[in-house]
PDB file of N, CA and C in Angstrom:
ATOM      1  N   MET A   1    -245.100 194.834  41.413  1.00  0.00           N
ATOM      2  CA  MET A   1    -245.709 193.690  42.036  1.00  0.00           C
ATOM      3  C   MET A   1    -245.518 192.480  41.136  1.00  0.00           C
ATOM      4  N   PHE A   2    -245.122 191.348  41.732  1.00  0.00           N
ATOM      5  CA  PHE A   2    -245.049 190.096  41.001  1.00  0.00           C
ATOM      6  C   PHE A   2    -246.458 189.552  40.829  1.00  0.00           C
ATOM      7  N   ASN A   3    -246.757 189.030  39.674  1.00  0.00           N
ATOM      8  CA  ASN A   3    -247.993 188.300  39.434  1.00  0.00           C
ATOM      9  C   ASN A   3    -247.629 186.840  39.265  1.00  0.00           C
ATOM     10  N   VAL A   4    -248.231 185.970  40.058  1.00  0.00           N
ATOM     11  CA  VAL A   4    -247.950 184.539  40.009  1.00  0.00           C
ATOM     12  C   VAL A   4    -249.224 183.823  39.578  1.00  0.00           C
ATOM     13  N   TYR A   5    -249.173 183.146  38.438  1.00  0.00           N
ATOM     14  CA  TYR A   5    -250.303 182.379  37.924  1.00  0.00           C
ATOM     15  C   TYR A   5    -249.940 180.906  37.980  1.00  0.00           C
ATOM     16  N   ALA A   6    -250.794 180.100  38.553  1.00  0.00           N
ATOM     17  CA  ALA A   6    -250.543 178.664  38.607  1.00  0.00           C
ATOM     18  C   ALA A   6    -251.797 177.926  38.159  1.00  0.00           C
ATOM     19  N   ASN A   7    -251.607 176.763  37.548  1.00  0.00           N
ATOM     20  CA  ASN A   7    -252.722 176.020  36.990  1.00  0.00           C
ATOM     21  C   ASN A   7    -252.553 174.530  37.273  1.00  0.00           C
ATOM     22  N   GLY A   8    -253.539 173.934  37.907  1.00  0.00           N
ATOM     23  CA  GLY A   8    -253.551 172.492  38.142  1.00  0.00           C
ATOM     24  C   GLY A   8    -252.455 172.048  39.080  1.00  0.00           C
ATOM     25  N   LEU A   9    -252.117 170.757  39.048  1.00  0.00           N
ATOM     26  CA  LEU A   9    -251.000 170.231  39.843  1.00  0.00           C
ATOM     27  C   LEU A   9    -249.791 171.070  39.536  1.00  0.00           C
ATOM     28  N   LEU A  10    -249.510 171.182  38.325  1.00  0.00           N
ATOM     29  CA  LEU A  10    -248.680 172.221  37.752  1.00  0.00           C
ATOM     30  C   LEU A  10    -248.467 171.851  36.306  1.00  0.00           C
ATOM     31  N   ASN A  11    -249.271 172.451  35.500  1.00  0.00           N
ATOM     32  CA  ASN A  11    -249.033 172.332  34.069  1.00  0.00           C
ATOM     33  C   ASN A  11    -248.285 173.568  33.632  1.00  0.00           C
ATOM     34  N   THR A  12    -248.687 174.707  34.178  1.00  0.00           N
ATOM     35  CA  THR A  12    -248.030 175.965  33.834  1.00  0.00           C
ATOM     36  C   THR A  12    -247.956 176.856  35.061  1.00  0.00           C
ATOM     37  N   ILE A  13    -246.843 177.504  35.236  1.00  0.00           N
ATOM     38  CA  ILE A  13    -246.730 178.573  36.222  1.00  0.00           C
ATOM     39  C   ILE A  13    -246.060 179.744  35.529  1.00  0.00           C
ATOM     40  N   THR A  14    -246.597 180.929  35.756  1.00  0.00           N
ATOM     41  CA  THR A  14    -246.060 182.138  35.143  1.00  0.00           C
ATOM     42  C   THR A  14    -245.828 183.176  36.222  1.00  0.00           C
ATOM     43  N   ILE A  15    -244.660 183.781  36.196  1.00  0.00           N
ATOM     44  CA  ILE A  15    -244.334 184.866  37.120  1.00  0.00           C
ATOM     45  C   ILE A  15    -243.880 186.048  36.284  1.00  0.00           C
ATOM     46  N   SER A  16    -244.522 187.181  36.517  1.00  0.00           N
ATOM     47  CA  SER A  16    -244.175 188.373  35.742  1.00  0.00           C
ATOM     48  C   SER A  16    -244.156 189.590  36.653  1.00  0.00           C
ATOM     49  N   GLY A  17    -243.594 190.661  36.147  1.00  0.00           N
ATOM     50  CA  GLY A  17    -243.544 191.909  36.893  1.00  0.00           C
ATOM     51  C   GLY A  17    -242.301 192.007  37.750  1.00  0.00           C
ATOM     52  N   HIS A  18    -242.300 193.004  38.606  1.00  0.00           N
ATOM     53  CA  HIS A  18    -241.200 193.237  39.541  1.00  0.00           C
ATOM     54  C   HIS A  18    -241.783 193.553  40.899  1.00  0.00           C
ATOM     55  N   ALA A  19    -241.111 193.132  41.955  1.00  0.00           N
ATOM     56  CA  ALA A  19    -241.623 193.359  43.305  1.00  0.00           C
ATOM     57  C   ALA A  19    -241.670 194.845  43.647  1.00  0.00           C
ATOM     58  N   GLU A  20    -240.656 195.586  43.248  1.00  0.00           N
ATOM     59  CA  GLU A  20    -240.544 197.018  43.546  1.00  0.00           C
ATOM     60  C   GLU A  20    -240.545 197.297  45.052  1.00  0.00           C
ATOM     61  N   PHE A  21    -239.989 196.354  45.815  1.00  0.00           N
ATOM     62  CA  PHE A  21    -239.821 196.532  47.247  1.00  0.00           C
ATOM     63  C   PHE A  21    -238.705 197.532  47.527  1.00  0.00           C
ATOM     64  N   ASP A  22    -237.672 197.485  46.685  1.00  0.00           N
ATOM     65  CA  ASP A  22    -236.526 198.374  46.827  1.00  0.00           C
ATOM     66  C   ASP A  22    -235.924 198.544  45.433  1.00  0.00           C
ATOM     67  N   LYS A  23    -234.888 199.363  45.345  1.00  0.00           N
ATOM     68  CA  LYS A  23    -234.274 199.576  44.036  1.00  0.00           C
ATOM     69  C   LYS A  23    -233.531 198.329  43.569  1.00  0.00           C
ATOM     70  N   LYS A  24    -233.305 198.262  42.268  1.00  0.00           N
ATOM     71  CA  LYS A  24    -232.645 197.122  41.645  1.00  0.00           C
ATOM     72  C   LYS A  24    -231.327 196.827  42.348  1.00  0.00           C
ATOM     73  N   GLY A  25    -231.103 195.569  42.632  1.00  0.00           N
ATOM     74  CA  GLY A  25    -229.891 195.141  43.316  1.00  0.00           C
ATOM     75  C   GLY A  25    -230.041 195.089  44.828  1.00  0.00           C
ATOM     76  N   LYS A  26    -231.112 195.681  45.363  1.00  0.00           N
ATOM     77  CA  LYS A  26    -231.353 195.676  46.810  1.00  0.00           C
ATOM     78  C   LYS A  26    -232.736 195.152  47.155  1.00  0.00           C
ATOM     79  N   ASP A  27    -233.450 194.648  46.159  1.00  0.00           N
ATOM     80  CA  ASP A  27    -234.826 194.202  46.344  1.00  0.00           C
ATOM     81  C   ASP A  27    -234.839 192.771  46.863  1.00  0.00           C
ATOM     82  N   ILE A  28    -235.048 192.606  48.175  1.00  0.00           N
ATOM     83  CA  ILE A  28    -235.007 191.271  48.775  1.00  0.00           C
ATOM     84  C   ILE A  28    -236.197 190.408  48.367  1.00  0.00           C
ATOM     85  N   VAL A  29    -237.339 191.019  48.070  1.00  0.00           N
ATOM     86  CA  VAL A  29    -238.493 190.245  47.614  1.00  0.00           C
ATOM     87  C   VAL A  29    -238.205 189.663  46.230  1.00  0.00           C
ATOM     88  N   CYS A  30    -237.665 190.479  45.355  1.00  0.00           N
ATOM     89  CA  CYS A  30    -237.290 190.020  44.021  1.00  0.00           C
ATOM     90  C   CYS A  30    -236.252 188.897  44.113  1.00  0.00           C
ATOM     91  N   ALA A  31    -235.273 189.084  44.956  1.00  0.00           N
ATOM     92  CA  ALA A  31    -234.226 188.075  45.114  1.00  0.00           C
ATOM     93  C   ALA A  31    -234.801 186.757  45.632  1.00  0.00           C
ATOM     94  N   ALA A  32    -235.710 186.835  46.583  1.00  0.00           N
ATOM     95  CA  ALA A  32    -236.301 185.624  47.150  1.00  0.00           C
ATOM     96  C   ALA A  32    -237.123 184.866  46.103  1.00  0.00           C
ATOM     97  N   VAL A  33    -237.947 185.589  45.347  1.00  0.00           N
ATOM     98  CA  VAL A  33    -238.742 184.946  44.300  1.00  0.00           C
ATOM     99  C   VAL A  33    -237.821 184.358  43.237  1.00  0.00           C
ATOM    100  N   SER A  34    -236.783 185.072  42.870  1.00  0.00           N
ATOM    101  CA  SER A  34    -235.843 184.596  41.863  1.00  0.00           C
ATOM    102  C   SER A  34    -235.170 183.298  42.293  1.00  0.00           C
ATOM    103  N   VAL A  35    -234.745 183.221  43.538  1.00  0.00           N
ATOM    104  CA  VAL A  35    -234.104 182.002  44.036  1.00  0.00           C
ATOM    105  C   VAL A  35    -235.086 180.838  44.008  1.00  0.00           C
ATOM    106  N   LEU A  36    -236.310 181.072  44.457  1.00  0.00           N
ATOM    107  CA  LEU A  36    -237.313 180.001  44.440  1.00  0.00           C
ATOM    108  C   LEU A  36    -237.572 179.495  43.025  1.00  0.00           C
ATOM    109  N   ILE A  37    -237.794 180.409  42.106  1.00  0.00           N
ATOM    110  CA  ILE A  37    -238.187 180.011  40.764  1.00  0.00           C
ATOM    111  C   ILE A  37    -237.012 179.393  39.995  1.00  0.00           C
ATOM    112  N   GLN A  38    -235.803 179.883  40.203  1.00  0.00           N
ATOM    113  CA  GLN A  38    -234.643 179.281  39.542  1.00  0.00           C
ATOM    114  C   GLN A  38    -234.378 177.874  40.068  1.00  0.00           C
ATOM    115  N   THR A  39    -234.524 177.689  41.369  1.00  0.00           N
ATOM    116  CA  THR A  39    -234.348 176.362  41.960  1.00  0.00           C
ATOM    117  C   THR A  39    -235.418 175.411  41.436  1.00  0.00           C
ATOM    118  N   PHE A  40    -236.644 175.892  41.361  1.00  0.00           N
ATOM    119  CA  PHE A  40    -237.756 175.107  40.825  1.00  0.00           C
ATOM    120  C   PHE A  40    -237.467 174.668  39.389  1.00  0.00           C
ATOM    121  N   TYR A  41    -237.089 175.613  38.563  1.00  0.00           N
ATOM    122  CA  TYR A  41    -236.823 175.325  37.149  1.00  0.00           C
ATOM    123  C   TYR A  41    -235.672 174.329  36.985  1.00  0.00           C
ATOM    124  N   MET A  42    -234.580 174.544  37.689  1.00  0.00           N
ATOM    125  CA  MET A  42    -233.428 173.656  37.562  1.00  0.00           C
ATOM    126  C   MET A  42    -233.739 172.254  38.098  1.00  0.00           C
ATOM    127  N   THR A  43    -234.577 172.162  39.114  1.00  0.00           N
ATOM    128  CA  THR A  43    -234.987 170.859  39.639  1.00  0.00           C
ATOM    129  C   THR A  43    -235.815 170.111  38.600  1.00  0.00           C
ATOM    130  N   LEU A  44    -236.755 170.803  37.960  1.00  0.00           N
ATOM    131  CA  LEU A  44    -237.559 170.166  36.910  1.00  0.00           C
ATOM    132  C   LEU A  44    -236.694 169.705  35.746  1.00  0.00           C
ATOM    133  N   LYS A  45    -235.711 170.510  35.374  1.00  0.00           N
ATOM    134  CA  LYS A  45    -234.842 170.163  34.247  1.00  0.00           C
ATOM    135  C   LYS A  45    -234.063 168.872  34.499  1.00  0.00           C
ATOM    136  N   GLN A  46    -233.875 168.509  35.760  1.00  0.00           N
ATOM    137  CA  GLN A  46    -233.116 167.293  36.088  1.00  0.00           C
ATOM    138  C   GLN A  46    -233.947 166.023  35.986  1.00  0.00           C
ATOM    139  N   LEU A  47    -235.261 166.149  35.848  1.00  0.00           N
ATOM    140  CA  LEU A  47    -236.118 164.967  35.759  1.00  0.00           C
ATOM    141  C   LEU A  47    -236.139 164.462  34.318  1.00  0.00           C
ATOM    142  N   ASP A  48    -235.697 163.246  34.113  1.00  0.00           N
ATOM    143  CA  ASP A  48    -235.659 162.659  32.773  1.00  0.00           C
ATOM    144  C   ASP A  48    -237.064 162.498  32.207  1.00  0.00           C
ATOM    145  N   GLY A  49    -237.211 162.802  30.933  1.00  0.00           N
ATOM    146  CA  GLY A  49    -238.457 162.558  30.237  1.00  0.00           C
ATOM    147  C   GLY A  49    -239.453 163.694  30.262  1.00  0.00           C
ATOM    148  N   LEU A  50    -239.195 164.723  31.053  1.00  0.00           N
ATOM    149  CA  LEU A  50    -240.109 165.865  31.078  1.00  0.00           C
ATOM    150  C   LEU A  50    -239.638 166.901  30.075  1.00  0.00           C
ATOM    151  N   ILE A  51    -240.591 167.489  29.384  1.00  0.00           N
ATOM    152  CA  ILE A  51    -240.283 168.626  28.519  1.00  0.00           C
ATOM    153  C   ILE A  51    -240.714 169.863  29.285  1.00  0.00           C
ATOM    154  N   VAL A  52    -239.753 170.669  29.678  1.00  0.00           N
ATOM    155  CA  VAL A  52    -240.017 171.867  30.467  1.00  0.00           C
ATOM    156  C   VAL A  52    -239.542 173.057  29.658  1.00  0.00           C
ATOM    157  N   ASN A  53    -240.445 173.955  29.345  1.00  0.00           N
ATOM    158  CA  ASN A  53    -240.109 175.120  28.537  1.00  0.00           C
ATOM    159  C   ASN A  53    -240.098 176.383  29.384  1.00  0.00           C
ATOM    160  N   LEU A  54    -239.063 177.179  29.211  1.00  0.00           N
ATOM    161  CA  LEU A  54    -238.949 178.490  29.834  1.00  0.00           C
ATOM    162  C   LEU A  54    -239.145 179.511  28.730  1.00  0.00           C
ATOM    163  N   ILE A  55    -240.113 180.408  28.907  1.00  0.00           N
ATOM    164  CA  ILE A  55    -240.476 181.338  27.842  1.00  0.00           C
ATOM    165  C   ILE A  55    -239.378 182.370  27.579  1.00  0.00           C
ATOM    166  N   ASP A  56    -239.043 183.189  28.541  1.00  0.00           N
ATOM    167  CA  ASP A  56    -237.960 184.158  28.377  1.00  0.00           C
ATOM    168  C   ASP A  56    -237.501 184.651  29.738  1.00  0.00           C
ATOM    169  N   ASP A  57    -236.607 185.612  29.766  1.00  0.00           N
ATOM    170  CA  ASP A  57    -236.046 186.067  31.034  1.00  0.00           C
ATOM    171  C   ASP A  57    -236.808 187.228  31.665  1.00  0.00           C
ATOM    172  N   LYS A  58    -237.834 187.758  31.009  1.00  0.00           N
ATOM    173  CA  LYS A  58    -238.624 188.847  31.587  1.00  0.00           C
ATOM    174  C   LYS A  58    -239.924 188.343  32.190  1.00  0.00           C
ATOM    175  N   VAL A  59    -240.490 187.328  31.565  1.00  0.00           N
ATOM    176  CA  VAL A  59    -241.677 186.664  32.102  1.00  0.00           C
ATOM    177  C   VAL A  59    -241.287 185.214  32.292  1.00  0.00           C
ATOM    178  N   PHE A  60    -241.218 184.774  33.529  1.00  0.00           N
ATOM    179  CA  PHE A  60    -240.859 183.384  33.793  1.00  0.00           C
ATOM    180  C   PHE A  60    -242.121 182.558  33.631  1.00  0.00           C
ATOM    181  N   SER A  61    -242.142 181.727  32.638  1.00  0.00           N
ATOM    182  CA  SER A  61    -243.294 180.856  32.411  1.00  0.00           C
ATOM    183  C   SER A  61    -242.784 179.467  32.089  1.00  0.00           C
ATOM    184  N   VAL A  62    -243.134 178.516  32.921  1.00  0.00           N
ATOM    185  CA  VAL A  62    -242.741 177.135  32.721  1.00  0.00           C
ATOM    186  C   VAL A  62    -243.982 176.329  32.396  1.00  0.00           C
ATOM    187  N   THR A  63    -243.896 175.547  31.343  1.00  0.00           N
ATOM    188  CA  THR A  63    -244.974 174.637  30.981  1.00  0.00           C
ATOM    189  C   THR A  63    -244.406 173.234  30.845  1.00  0.00           C
ATOM    190  N   ILE A  64    -245.075 172.287  31.473  1.00  0.00           N
ATOM    191  CA  ILE A  64    -244.709 170.883  31.320  1.00  0.00           C
ATOM    192  C   ILE A  64    -245.624 170.339  30.232  1.00  0.00           C
ATOM    193  N   GLU A  65    -245.030 169.982  29.102  1.00  0.00           N
ATOM    194  CA  GLU A  65    -245.821 169.666  27.922  1.00  0.00           C
ATOM    195  C   GLU A  65    -246.218 168.202  27.791  1.00  0.00           C
ATOM    196  N   ASN A  66    -245.448 167.307  28.341  1.00  0.00           N
ATOM    197  CA  ASN A  66    -245.741 165.905  28.104  1.00  0.00           C
ATOM    198  C   ASN A  66    -246.434 165.276  29.310  1.00  0.00           C
ATOM    199  N   ASP A  67    -246.781 164.001  29.179  1.00  0.00           N
ATOM    200  CA  ASP A  67    -247.455 163.266  30.237  1.00  0.00           C
ATOM    201  C   ASP A  67    -246.491 163.078  31.407  1.00  0.00           C
ATOM    202  N   PHE A  68    -246.870 163.589  32.562  1.00  0.00           N
ATOM    203  CA  PHE A  68    -245.960 163.503  33.701  1.00  0.00           C
ATOM    204  C   PHE A  68    -246.475 162.566  34.790  1.00  0.00           C
ATOM    205  N   LYS A  69    -247.316 161.578  34.404  1.00  0.00           N
ATOM    206  CA  LYS A  69    -247.893 160.686  35.413  1.00  0.00           C
ATOM    207  C   LYS A  69    -246.828 159.892  36.168  1.00  0.00           C
ATOM    208  N   ASN A  70    -245.686 159.628  35.550  1.00  0.00           N
ATOM    209  CA  ASN A  70    -244.613 158.918  36.257  1.00  0.00           C
ATOM    210  C   ASN A  70    -243.973 159.778  37.340  1.00  0.00           C
ATOM    211  N   TYR A  71    -244.211 161.075  37.290  1.00  0.00           N
ATOM    212  CA  TYR A  71    -243.605 161.996  38.245  1.00  0.00           C
ATOM    213  C   TYR A  71    -244.634 162.701  39.127  1.00  0.00           C
ATOM    214  N   THR A  72    -245.863 162.187  39.191  1.00  0.00           N
ATOM    215  CA  THR A  72    -246.922 162.901  39.892  1.00  0.00           C
ATOM    216  C   THR A  72    -246.524 163.257  41.324  1.00  0.00           C
ATOM    217  N   GLU A  73    -246.044 162.295  42.098  1.00  0.00           N
ATOM    218  CA  GLU A  73    -245.671 162.569  43.493  1.00  0.00           C
ATOM    219  C   GLU A  73    -244.479 163.520  43.572  1.00  0.00           C
ATOM    220  N   THR A  74    -243.503 163.301  42.723  1.00  0.00           N
ATOM    221  CA  THR A  74    -242.321 164.160  42.705  1.00  0.00           C
ATOM    222  C   THR A  74    -242.696 165.586  42.355  1.00  0.00           C
ATOM    223  N   LEU A  75    -243.512 165.750  41.298  1.00  0.00           N
ATOM    224  CA  LEU A  75    -243.937 167.094  40.897  1.00  0.00           C
ATOM    225  C   LEU A  75    -244.776 167.759  41.969  1.00  0.00           C
ATOM    226  N   TYR A  76    -245.629 166.998  42.622  1.00  0.00           N
ATOM    227  CA  TYR A  76    -246.440 167.571  43.698  1.00  0.00           C
ATOM    228  C   TYR A  76    -245.532 168.144  44.786  1.00  0.00           C
ATOM    229  N   GLY A  77    -244.497 167.399  45.142  1.00  0.00           N
ATOM    230  CA  GLY A  77    -243.569 167.875  46.168  1.00  0.00           C
ATOM    231  C   GLY A  77    -242.810 169.117  45.729  1.00  0.00           C
ATOM    232  N   ILE A  78    -242.318 169.099  44.480  1.00  0.00           N
ATOM    233  CA  ILE A  78    -241.572 170.246  43.962  1.00  0.00           C
ATOM    234  C   ILE A  78    -242.476 171.477  43.871  1.00  0.00           C
ATOM    235  N   CYS A  79    -243.687 171.281  43.371  1.00  0.00           N
ATOM    236  CA  CYS A  79    -244.629 172.400  43.236  1.00  0.00           C
ATOM    237  C   CYS A  79    -245.067 172.922  44.597  1.00  0.00           C
ATOM    238  N   SER A  80    -245.292 172.015  45.526  1.00  0.00           N
ATOM    239  CA  SER A  80    -245.677 172.435  46.879  1.00  0.00           C
ATOM    240  C   SER A  80    -244.583 173.282  47.518  1.00  0.00           C
ATOM    241  N   PHE A  81    -243.334 172.873  47.311  1.00  0.00           N
ATOM    242  CA  PHE A  81    -242.193 173.632  47.827  1.00  0.00           C
ATOM    243  C   PHE A  81    -242.201 175.056  47.271  1.00  0.00           C
ATOM    244  N   LEU A  82    -242.329 175.155  45.939  1.00  0.00           N
ATOM    245  CA  LEU A  82    -242.339 176.470  45.297  1.00  0.00           C
ATOM    246  C   LEU A  82    -243.501 177.325  45.790  1.00  0.00           C
ATOM    247  N   LEU A  83    -244.700 176.770  45.752  1.00  0.00           N
ATOM    248  CA  LEU A  83    -245.874 177.561  46.123  1.00  0.00           C
ATOM    249  C   LEU A  83    -245.886 177.917  47.606  1.00  0.00           C
ATOM    250  N   THR A  84    -245.409 177.028  48.463  1.00  0.00           N
ATOM    251  CA  THR A  84    -245.308 177.360  49.885  1.00  0.00           C
ATOM    252  C   THR A  84    -244.372 178.542  50.081  1.00  0.00           C
ATOM    253  N   GLY A  85    -243.237 178.530  49.395  1.00  0.00           N
ATOM    254  CA  GLY A  85    -242.307 179.655  49.480  1.00  0.00           C
ATOM    255  C   GLY A  85    -242.926 180.954  49.012  1.00  0.00           C
ATOM    256  N   ILE A  86    -243.667 180.905  47.906  1.00  0.00           N
ATOM    257  CA  ILE A  86    -244.303 182.113  47.386  1.00  0.00           C
ATOM    258  C   ILE A  86    -245.403 182.599  48.322  1.00  0.00           C
ATOM    259  N   TYR A  87    -246.214 181.674  48.859  1.00  0.00           N
ATOM    260  CA  TYR A  87    -247.260 182.071  49.812  1.00  0.00           C
ATOM    261  C   TYR A  87    -246.657 182.694  51.075  1.00  0.00           C
ATOM    262  N   LEU A  88    -245.544 182.144  51.550  1.00  0.00           N
ATOM    263  CA  LEU A  88    -244.890 182.725  52.735  1.00  0.00           C
ATOM    264  C   LEU A  88    -244.356 184.126  52.444  1.00  0.00           C
ATOM    265  N   LEU A  89    -243.790 184.314  51.261  1.00  0.00           N
ATOM    266  CA  LEU A  89    -243.341 185.654  50.874  1.00  0.00           C
ATOM    267  C   LEU A  89    -244.521 186.616  50.790  1.00  0.00           C
ATOM    268  N   LYS A  90    -245.620 186.156  50.221  1.00  0.00           N
ATOM    269  CA  LYS A  90    -246.815 187.001  50.121  1.00  0.00           C
ATOM    270  C   LYS A  90    -247.321 187.380  51.513  1.00  0.00           C
ATOM    271  N   LYS A  91    -247.288 186.428  52.433  1.00  0.00           N
ATOM    272  CA  LYS A  91    -247.732 186.704  53.805  1.00  0.00           C
ATOM    273  C   LYS A  91    -246.887 187.804  54.439  1.00  0.00           C
ATOM    274  N   ASN A  92    -245.580 187.769  54.196  1.00  0.00           N
ATOM    275  CA  ASN A  92    -244.676 188.754  54.787  1.00  0.00           C
ATOM    276  C   ASN A  92    -244.586 190.058  54.003  1.00  0.00           C
ATOM    277  N   TYR A  93    -244.863 190.004  52.715  1.00  0.00           N
ATOM    278  CA  TYR A  93    -244.781 191.183  51.838  1.00  0.00           C
ATOM    279  C   TYR A  93    -246.038 191.262  50.971  1.00  0.00           C
ATOM    280  N   PRO A  94    -247.208 191.433  51.578  1.00  0.00           N
ATOM    281  CA  PRO A  94    -248.475 191.337  50.836  1.00  0.00           C
ATOM    282  C   PRO A  94    -248.652 192.382  49.738  1.00  0.00           C
ATOM    283  N   ASP A  95    -247.980 193.492  49.830  1.00  0.00           N
ATOM    284  CA  ASP A  95    -248.131 194.550  48.828  1.00  0.00           C
ATOM    285  C   ASP A  95    -247.257 194.334  47.593  1.00  0.00           C
ATOM    286  N   TYR A  96    -246.448 193.281  47.594  1.00  0.00           N
ATOM    287  CA  TYR A  96    -245.462 193.114  46.524  1.00  0.00           C
ATOM    288  C   TYR A  96    -245.621 191.838  45.700  1.00  0.00           C
ATOM    289  N   ILE A  97    -246.541 190.970  46.108  1.00  0.00           N
ATOM    290  CA  ILE A  97    -246.782 189.730  45.377  1.00  0.00           C
ATOM    291  C   ILE A  97    -248.283 189.520  45.251  1.00  0.00           C
ATOM    292  N   LYS A  98    -248.735 189.250  44.041  1.00  0.00           N
ATOM    293  CA  LYS A  98    -250.140 188.943  43.781  1.00  0.00           C
ATOM    294  C   LYS A  98    -250.202 187.525  43.232  1.00  0.00           C
ATOM    295  N   ILE A  99    -251.024 186.679  43.853  1.00  0.00           N
ATOM    296  CA  ILE A  99    -251.155 185.293  43.420  1.00  0.00           C
ATOM    297  C   ILE A  99    -252.519 185.115  42.771  1.00  0.00           C
ATOM    298  N   ILE A 100    -252.510 184.641  41.545  1.00  0.00           N
ATOM    299  CA  ILE A 100    -253.732 184.302  40.835  1.00  0.00           C
ATOM    300  C   ILE A 100    -253.773 182.790  40.785  1.00  0.00           C
ATOM    301  N   ASN A 101    -254.608 182.204  41.615  1.00  0.00           N
ATOM    302  CA  ASN A 101    -254.646 180.760  41.809  1.00  0.00           C
ATOM    303  C   ASN A 101    -255.686 180.146  40.891  1.00  0.00           C
ATOM    304  N   LYS A 102    -255.249 179.303  40.001  1.00  0.00           N
ATOM    305  CA  LYS A 102    -256.153 178.635  39.065  1.00  0.00           C
ATOM    306  C   LYS A 102    -256.136 177.139  39.301  1.00  0.00           C
ATOM    307  N   GLY A 103    -256.650 176.723  40.448  1.00  0.00           N
ATOM    308  CA  GLY A 103    -256.792 175.309  40.714  1.00  0.00           C
ATOM    309  C   GLY A 103    -255.733 174.700  41.606  1.00  0.00           C
ATOM    310  N   VAL A 104    -254.777 175.478  42.074  1.00  0.00           N
ATOM    311  CA  VAL A 104    -253.740 174.954  42.950  1.00  0.00           C
ATOM    312  C   VAL A 104    -254.172 175.176  44.381  1.00  0.00           C
ATOM    313  N   ASN A 105    -254.073 174.139  45.202  1.00  0.00           N
ATOM    314  CA  ASN A 105    -254.352 174.284  46.621  1.00  0.00           C
ATOM    315  C   ASN A 105    -253.294 173.517  47.385  1.00  0.00           C
ATOM    316  N   ASN A 106    -252.398 174.265  47.997  1.00  0.00           N
ATOM    317  CA  ASN A 106    -251.343 173.609  48.743  1.00  0.00           C
ATOM    318  C   ASN A 106    -251.542 173.733  50.243  1.00  0.00           C
ATOM    319  N   GLY A 107    -252.737 174.197  50.643  1.00  0.00           N
ATOM    320  CA  GLY A 107    -253.050 174.267  52.065  1.00  0.00           C
ATOM    321  C   GLY A 107    -252.497 175.470  52.767  1.00  0.00           C
ATOM    322  N   THR A 108    -251.870 176.386  52.068  1.00  0.00           N
ATOM    323  CA  THR A 108    -251.274 177.535  52.737  1.00  0.00           C
ATOM    324  C   THR A 108    -252.002 178.830  52.451  1.00  0.00           C
ATOM    325  N   SER A 109    -253.046 178.788  51.639  1.00  0.00           N
ATOM    326  CA  SER A 109    -253.743 180.035  51.311  1.00  0.00           C
ATOM    327  C   SER A 109    -254.756 180.420  52.358  1.00  0.00           C
TER     328      SER A 109
END
């Protein structure tokens, strides 16, 4: 099961575990989460002035370390996109994704 932790607008998001929907290489839940999170990370990396840290390849944890007030609307949109995708996956595969919501409300829960 994937564990998804989110905090605030988005200061930190952490995704850990494995979906275990199917065997490695055939797990569509894992693939879907991976595409969402990689797209999210690469989109953040393109924003000038943000410090975005990726912890490692087994636990995906992104933290935005600096003041992001110049990007508040942009980050809200990017974060909403990511969280909407994860909530939709959870709706369709409830046994394979666990969301621990720490202050994020995107209207889809």
